[in-house]
PDB file of N, CA and C in Angstrom:
ATOM      1  N   MET A   1     -44.704   4.407  -0.714  1.00  0.00           N
ATOM      2  CA  MET A   1     -45.836   4.835  -1.501  1.00  0.00           C
ATOM      3  C   MET A   1     -45.623   6.241  -2.047  1.00  0.00           C
ATOM      4  N   LYS A   2     -45.068   7.110  -1.224  1.00  0.00           N
ATOM      5  CA  LYS A   2     -44.827   8.478  -1.660  1.00  0.00           C
ATOM      6  C   LYS A   2     -43.782   8.510  -2.781  1.00  0.00           C
ATOM      7  N   ARG A   3     -42.837   7.582  -2.721  1.00  0.00           N
ATOM      8  CA  ARG A   3     -41.741   7.565  -3.681  1.00  0.00           C
ATOM      9  C   ARG A   3     -42.224   7.272  -5.102  1.00  0.00           C
ATOM     10  N   TRP A   4     -43.102   6.289  -5.266  1.00  0.00           N
ATOM     11  CA  TRP A   4     -43.567   5.962  -6.615  1.00  0.00           C
ATOM     12  C   TRP A   4     -44.509   7.023  -7.153  1.00  0.00           C
ATOM     13  N   MET A   5     -45.241   7.727  -6.258  1.00  0.00           N
ATOM     14  CA  MET A   5     -46.092   8.831  -6.719  1.00  0.00           C
ATOM     15  C   MET A   5     -45.231   9.976  -7.229  1.00  0.00           C
ATOM     16  N   LEU A   6     -44.122  10.236  -6.562  1.00  0.00           N
ATOM     17  CA  LEU A   6     -43.204  11.266  -7.033  1.00  0.00           C
ATOM     18  C   LEU A   6     -42.585  10.865  -8.369  1.00  0.00           C
ATOM     19  N   ASN A   7     -42.240   9.584  -8.510  1.00  0.00           N
ATOM     20  CA  ASN A   7     -41.679   9.112  -9.777  1.00  0.00           C
ATOM     21  C   ASN A   7     -42.662   9.303 -10.927  1.00  0.00           C
ATOM     22  N   ILE A   8     -43.916   8.946 -10.706  1.00  0.00           N
ATOM     23  CA  ILE A   8     -44.933   9.114 -11.742  1.00  0.00           C
ATOM     24  C   ILE A   8     -45.133  10.596 -12.057  1.00  0.00           C
ATOM     25  N   GLY A   9     -45.145  11.432 -11.040  1.00  0.00           N
ATOM     26  CA  GLY A   9     -45.282  12.874 -11.248  1.00  0.00           C
ATOM     27  C   GLY A   9     -44.124  13.436 -12.052  1.00  0.00           C
ATOM     28  N   ILE A  10     -42.916  12.995 -11.757  1.00  0.00           N
ATOM     29  CA  ILE A  10     -41.743  13.466 -12.495  1.00  0.00           C
ATOM     30  C   ILE A  10     -41.839  13.076 -13.961  1.00  0.00           C
ATOM     31  N   VAL A  11     -42.261  11.847 -14.227  1.00  0.00           N
ATOM     32  CA  VAL A  11     -42.380  11.388 -15.621  1.00  0.00           C
ATOM     33  C   VAL A  11     -43.446  12.190 -16.365  1.00  0.00           C
ATOM     34  N   LEU A  12     -44.602  12.401 -15.743  1.00  0.00           N
ATOM     35  CA  LEU A  12     -45.680  13.129 -16.404  1.00  0.00           C
ATOM     36  C   LEU A  12     -45.304  14.591 -16.682  1.00  0.00           C
ATOM     37  N   VAL A  13     -44.706  15.248 -15.711  1.00  0.00           N
ATOM     38  CA  VAL A  13     -44.319  16.645 -15.896  1.00  0.00           C
ATOM     39  C   VAL A  13     -43.200  16.760 -16.932  1.00  0.00           C
ATOM     40  N   THR A  14     -42.294  15.795 -16.966  1.00  0.00           N
ATOM     41  CA  THR A  14     -41.229  15.803 -17.961  1.00  0.00           C
ATOM     42  C   THR A  14     -41.801  15.610 -19.368  1.00  0.00           C
ATOM     43  N   LEU A  15     -42.817  14.772 -19.501  1.00  0.00           N
ATOM     44  CA  LEU A  15     -43.467  14.614 -20.803  1.00  0.00           C
ATOM     45  C   LEU A  15     -44.154  15.906 -21.246  1.00  0.00           C
ATOM     46  N   LEU A  16     -44.772  16.607 -20.309  1.00  0.00           N
ATOM     47  CA  LEU A  16     -45.362  17.906 -20.639  1.00  0.00           C
ATOM     48  C   LEU A  16     -44.286  18.918 -21.043  1.00  0.00           C
ATOM     49  N   LEU A  17     -43.139  18.862 -20.398  1.00  0.00           N
ATOM     50  CA  LEU A  17     -42.031  19.744 -20.748  1.00  0.00           C
ATOM     51  C   LEU A  17     -41.530  19.457 -22.161  1.00  0.00           C
ATOM     52  N   VAL A  18     -41.433  18.188 -22.513  1.00  0.00           N
ATOM     53  CA  VAL A  18     -41.015  17.808 -23.870  1.00  0.00           C
ATOM     54  C   VAL A  18     -42.049  18.288 -24.891  1.00  0.00           C
ATOM     55  N   ALA A  19     -43.332  18.178 -24.553  1.00  0.00           N
ATOM     56  CA  ALA A  19     -44.385  18.661 -25.448  1.00  0.00           C
ATOM     57  C   ALA A  19     -44.294  20.178 -25.629  1.00  0.00           C
ATOM     58  N   ALA A  20     -43.958  20.901 -24.570  1.00  0.00           N
ATOM     59  CA  ALA A  20     -43.815  22.356 -24.662  1.00  0.00           C
ATOM     60  C   ALA A  20     -42.638  22.733 -25.565  1.00  0.00           C
ATOM     61  N   VAL A  21     -41.543  22.007 -25.440  1.00  0.00           N
ATOM     62  CA  VAL A  21     -40.381  22.274 -26.303  1.00  0.00           C
ATOM     63  C   VAL A  21     -40.724  21.959 -27.761  1.00  0.00           C
ATOM     64  N   PHE A  22     -41.438  20.855 -27.993  1.00  0.00           N
ATOM     65  CA  PHE A  22     -41.865  20.490 -29.342  1.00  0.00           C
ATOM     66  C   PHE A  22     -42.756  21.578 -29.936  1.00  0.00           C
ATOM     67  N   LEU A  23     -43.704  22.084 -29.150  1.00  0.00           N
ATOM     68  CA  LEU A  23     -44.596  23.128 -29.626  1.00  0.00           C
ATOM     69  C   LEU A  23     -43.836  24.424 -29.883  1.00  0.00           C
ATOM     70  N   PHE A  24     -42.857  24.733 -29.053  1.00  0.00           N
ATOM     71  CA  PHE A  24     -42.067  25.951 -29.255  1.00  0.00           C
ATOM     72  C   PHE A  24     -41.262  25.875 -30.552  1.00  0.00           C
ATOM     73  N   ILE A  25     -40.677  24.716 -30.829  1.00  0.00           N
ATOM     74  CA  ILE A  25     -39.857  24.564 -32.037  1.00  0.00           C
ATOM     75  C   ILE A  25     -40.717  24.595 -33.296  1.00  0.00           C
ATOM     76  N   ASN A  26     -41.854  23.890 -33.273  1.00  0.00           N
ATOM     77  CA  ASN A  26     -42.686  23.784 -34.462  1.00  0.00           C
ATOM     78  C   ASN A  26     -43.670  24.929 -34.624  1.00  0.00           C
ATOM     79  N   GLY A  27     -43.901  25.688 -33.599  1.00  0.00           N
ATOM     80  CA  GLY A  27     -44.872  26.767 -33.689  1.00  0.00           C
ATOM     81  C   GLY A  27     -46.287  26.227 -33.715  1.00  0.00           C
ATOM     82  N   SER A  28     -47.168  26.944 -34.394  1.00  0.00           N
ATOM     83  CA  SER A  28     -48.553  26.508 -34.487  1.00  0.00           C
ATOM     84  C   SER A  28     -48.648  25.276 -35.374  1.00  0.00           C
ATOM     85  N   LEU A  29     -49.506  24.342 -35.015  1.00  0.00           N
ATOM     86  CA  LEU A  29     -49.614  23.086 -35.748  1.00  0.00           C
ATOM     87  C   LEU A  29     -50.714  23.129 -36.814  1.00  0.00           C
ATOM     88  N   GLU A  30     -51.100  24.315 -37.247  1.00  0.00           N
ATOM     89  CA  GLU A  30     -52.097  24.434 -38.305  1.00  0.00           C
ATOM     90  C   GLU A  30     -51.421  24.301 -39.665  1.00  0.00           C
ATOM     91  N   MET A  31     -52.231  24.097 -40.681  1.00  0.00           N
ATOM     92  CA  MET A  31     -51.700  23.910 -42.038  1.00  0.00           C
ATOM     93  C   MET A  31     -50.985  25.175 -42.540  1.00  0.00           C
ATOM     94  N   ASP A  32     -51.628  26.322 -42.393  1.00  0.00           N
ATOM     95  CA  ASP A  32     -51.061  27.580 -42.871  1.00  0.00           C
ATOM     96  C   ASP A  32     -51.206  28.645 -41.782  1.00  0.00           C
ATOM     97  N   PRO A  33     -50.354  28.590 -40.749  1.00  0.00           N
ATOM     98  CA  PRO A  33     -50.516  29.518 -39.627  1.00  0.00           C
ATOM     99  C   PRO A  33     -50.047  30.928 -39.982  1.00  0.00           C
ATOM    100  N   THR A  34     -50.702  31.901 -39.391  1.00  0.00           N
ATOM    101  CA  THR A  34     -50.254  33.282 -39.549  1.00  0.00           C
ATOM    102  C   THR A  34     -49.142  33.542 -38.530  1.00  0.00           C
ATOM    103  N   SER A  35     -48.464  34.646 -38.714  1.00  0.00           N
ATOM    104  CA  SER A  35     -47.368  34.966 -37.787  1.00  0.00           C
ATOM    105  C   SER A  35     -47.907  35.221 -36.376  1.00  0.00           C
ATOM    106  N   GLU A  36     -49.136  35.742 -36.285  1.00  0.00           N
ATOM    107  CA  GLU A  36     -49.743  35.981 -34.972  1.00  0.00           C
ATOM    108  C   GLU A  36     -50.020  34.658 -34.262  1.00  0.00           C
ATOM    109  N   GLN A  37     -50.489  33.644 -34.986  1.00  0.00           N
ATOM    110  CA  GLN A  37     -50.756  32.336 -34.386  1.00  0.00           C
ATOM    111  C   GLN A  37     -49.463  31.668 -33.932  1.00  0.00           C
ATOM    112  N   ILE A  38     -48.413  31.810 -34.721  1.00  0.00           N
ATOM    113  CA  ILE A  38     -47.118  31.242 -34.345  1.00  0.00           C
ATOM    114  C   ILE A  38     -46.599  31.910 -33.073  1.00  0.00           C
ATOM    115  N   GLU A  39     -46.734  33.236 -33.008  1.00  0.00           N
ATOM    116  CA  GLU A  39     -46.260  33.961 -31.830  1.00  0.00           C
ATOM    117  C   GLU A  39     -47.057  33.572 -30.586  1.00  0.00           C
ATOM    118  N   LYS A  40     -48.378  33.428 -30.724  1.00  0.00           N
ATOM    119  CA  LYS A  40     -49.206  33.025 -29.584  1.00  0.00           C
ATOM    120  C   LYS A  40     -48.833  31.632 -29.087  1.00  0.00           C
ATOM    121  N   SER A  41     -48.594  30.712 -30.011  1.00  0.00           N
ATOM    122  CA  SER A  41     -48.244  29.353 -29.582  1.00  0.00           C
ATOM    123  C   SER A  41     -46.860  29.320 -28.937  1.00  0.00           C
ATOM    124  N   ARG A  42     -45.947  30.147 -29.395  1.00  0.00           N
ATOM    125  CA  ARG A  42     -44.616  30.196 -28.769  1.00  0.00           C
ATOM    126  C   ARG A  42     -44.666  30.806 -27.383  1.00  0.00           C
ATOM    127  N   ILE A  43     -45.500  31.826 -27.206  1.00  0.00           N
ATOM    128  CA  ILE A  43     -45.648  32.422 -25.877  1.00  0.00           C
ATOM    129  C   ILE A  43     -46.262  31.402 -24.914  1.00  0.00           C
ATOM    130  N   ALA A  44     -47.308  30.723 -25.364  1.00  0.00           N
ATOM    131  CA  ALA A  44     -47.976  29.729 -24.518  1.00  0.00           C
ATOM    132  C   ALA A  44     -47.036  28.575 -24.182  1.00  0.00           C
ATOM    133  N   SER A  45     -46.267  28.111 -25.165  1.00  0.00           N
ATOM    134  CA  SER A  45     -45.357  26.993 -24.894  1.00  0.00           C
ATOM    135  C   SER A  45     -44.197  27.432 -23.998  1.00  0.00           C
ATOM    136  N   SER A  46     -43.781  28.681 -24.097  1.00  0.00           N
ATOM    137  CA  SER A  46     -42.733  29.180 -23.197  1.00  0.00           C
ATOM    138  C   SER A  46     -43.213  29.208 -21.755  1.00  0.00           C
ATOM    139  N   ILE A  47     -44.429  29.699 -21.555  1.00  0.00           N
ATOM    140  CA  ILE A  47     -44.995  29.733 -20.208  1.00  0.00           C
ATOM    141  C   ILE A  47     -45.164  28.319 -19.667  1.00  0.00           C
ATOM    142  N   MET A  48     -45.682  27.421 -20.522  1.00  0.00           N
ATOM    143  CA  MET A  48     -45.865  26.037 -20.110  1.00  0.00           C
ATOM    144  C   MET A  48     -44.527  25.390 -19.773  1.00  0.00           C
ATOM    145  N   GLY A  49     -43.504  25.669 -20.551  1.00  0.00           N
ATOM    146  CA  GLY A  49     -42.179  25.111 -20.303  1.00  0.00           C
ATOM    147  C   GLY A  49     -41.576  25.592 -18.997  1.00  0.00           C
ATOM    148  N   ILE A  50     -41.730  26.878 -18.713  1.00  0.00           N
ATOM    149  CA  ILE A  50     -41.190  27.437 -17.475  1.00  0.00           C
ATOM    150  C   ILE A  50     -41.884  26.823 -16.263  1.00  0.00           C
ATOM    151  N   ILE A  51     -43.210  26.697 -16.335  1.00  0.00           N
ATOM    152  CA  ILE A  51     -43.964  26.115 -15.225  1.00  0.00           C
ATOM    153  C   ILE A  51     -43.585  24.650 -15.032  1.00  0.00           C
ATOM    154  N   CYS A  52     -43.501  23.899 -16.126  1.00  0.00           N
ATOM    155  CA  CYS A  52     -43.140  22.482 -16.032  1.00  0.00           C
ATOM    156  C   CYS A  52     -41.727  22.302 -15.494  1.00  0.00           C
ATOM    157  N   PHE A  53     -40.805  23.168 -15.912  1.00  0.00           N
ATOM    158  CA  PHE A  53     -39.433  23.083 -15.433  1.00  0.00           C
ATOM    159  C   PHE A  53     -39.375  23.327 -13.926  1.00  0.00           C
ATOM    160  N   ALA A  54     -40.134  24.313 -13.443  1.00  0.00           N
ATOM    161  CA  ALA A  54     -40.146  24.611 -12.011  1.00  0.00           C
ATOM    162  C   ALA A  54     -40.767  23.463 -11.213  1.00  0.00           C
ATOM    163  N   VAL A  55     -41.896  22.946 -11.688  1.00  0.00           N
ATOM    164  CA  VAL A  55     -42.563  21.842 -10.980  1.00  0.00           C
ATOM    165  C   VAL A  55     -41.688  20.598 -10.998  1.00  0.00           C
ATOM    166  N   ASP A  56     -41.036  20.342 -12.126  1.00  0.00           N
ATOM    167  CA  ASP A  56     -40.140  19.194 -12.227  1.00  0.00           C
ATOM    168  C   ASP A  56     -38.983  19.321 -11.235  1.00  0.00           C
ATOM    169  N   GLY A  57     -38.442  20.507 -11.109  1.00  0.00           N
ATOM    170  CA  GLY A  57     -37.366  20.732 -10.142  1.00  0.00           C
ATOM    171  C   GLY A  57     -37.815  20.492  -8.716  1.00  0.00           C
ATOM    172  N   ILE A  58     -39.018  20.952  -8.387  1.00  0.00           N
ATOM    173  CA  ILE A  58     -39.554  20.744  -7.046  1.00  0.00           C
ATOM    174  C   ILE A  58     -39.759  19.255  -6.778  1.00  0.00           C
ATOM    175  N   LEU A  59     -40.329  18.541  -7.755  1.00  0.00           N
ATOM    176  CA  LEU A  59     -40.566  17.109  -7.574  1.00  0.00           C
ATOM    177  C   LEU A  59     -39.260  16.331  -7.435  1.00  0.00           C
ATOM    178  N   ILE A  60     -38.266  16.699  -8.213  1.00  0.00           N
ATOM    179  CA  ILE A  60     -36.977  16.012  -8.115  1.00  0.00           C
ATOM    180  C   ILE A  60     -36.319  16.289  -6.763  1.00  0.00           C
ATOM    181  N   LYS A  61     -36.446  17.544  -6.294  1.00  0.00           N
ATOM    182  CA  LYS A  61     -35.890  17.873  -4.988  1.00  0.00           C
ATOM    183  C   LYS A  61     -36.589  17.083  -3.878  1.00  0.00           C
ATOM    184  N   LEU A  62     -37.921  16.941  -3.961  1.00  0.00           N
ATOM    185  CA  LEU A  62     -38.647  16.146  -2.972  1.00  0.00           C
ATOM    186  C   LEU A  62     -38.264  14.676  -3.063  1.00  0.00           C
ATOM    187  N   ARG A  63     -38.034  14.197  -4.274  1.00  0.00           N
ATOM    188  CA  ARG A  63     -37.657  12.778  -4.483  1.00  0.00           C
ATOM    189  C   ARG A  63     -36.282  12.487  -3.872  1.00  0.00           C
ATOM    190  N   ILE A  64     -35.348  13.409  -4.045  1.00  0.00           N
ATOM    191  CA  ILE A  64     -34.003  13.213  -3.495  1.00  0.00           C
ATOM    192  C   ILE A  64     -34.044  13.305  -1.966  1.00  0.00           C
ATOM    193  N   LYS A  65     -34.839  14.238  -1.460  1.00  0.00           N
ATOM    194  CA  LYS A  65     -34.921  14.457  -0.021  1.00  0.00           C
ATOM    195  C   LYS A  65     -35.571  13.285   0.706  1.00  0.00           C
ATOM    196  N   GLY A  66     -36.594  12.704   0.094  1.00  0.00           N
ATOM    197  CA  GLY A  66     -37.358  11.685   0.803  1.00  0.00           C
ATOM    198  C   GLY A  66     -37.051  10.329   0.459  1.00  0.00           C
TER     199      GLY A  66
END
């Protein structure tokens, strides 16, 4: 039971990581974003990416261990 919960968690966190990378590459998703909006979205997506990468690593380590 613990194994499939870890698998689902890994998939969900990996999808969030992909979304963070997509947001970082594309910047703000508005029609005509200002440079400040682009910078804010890149900072937010960087933080989100770092957190998702760390959580994904922890989940994968728990999955391998258990």
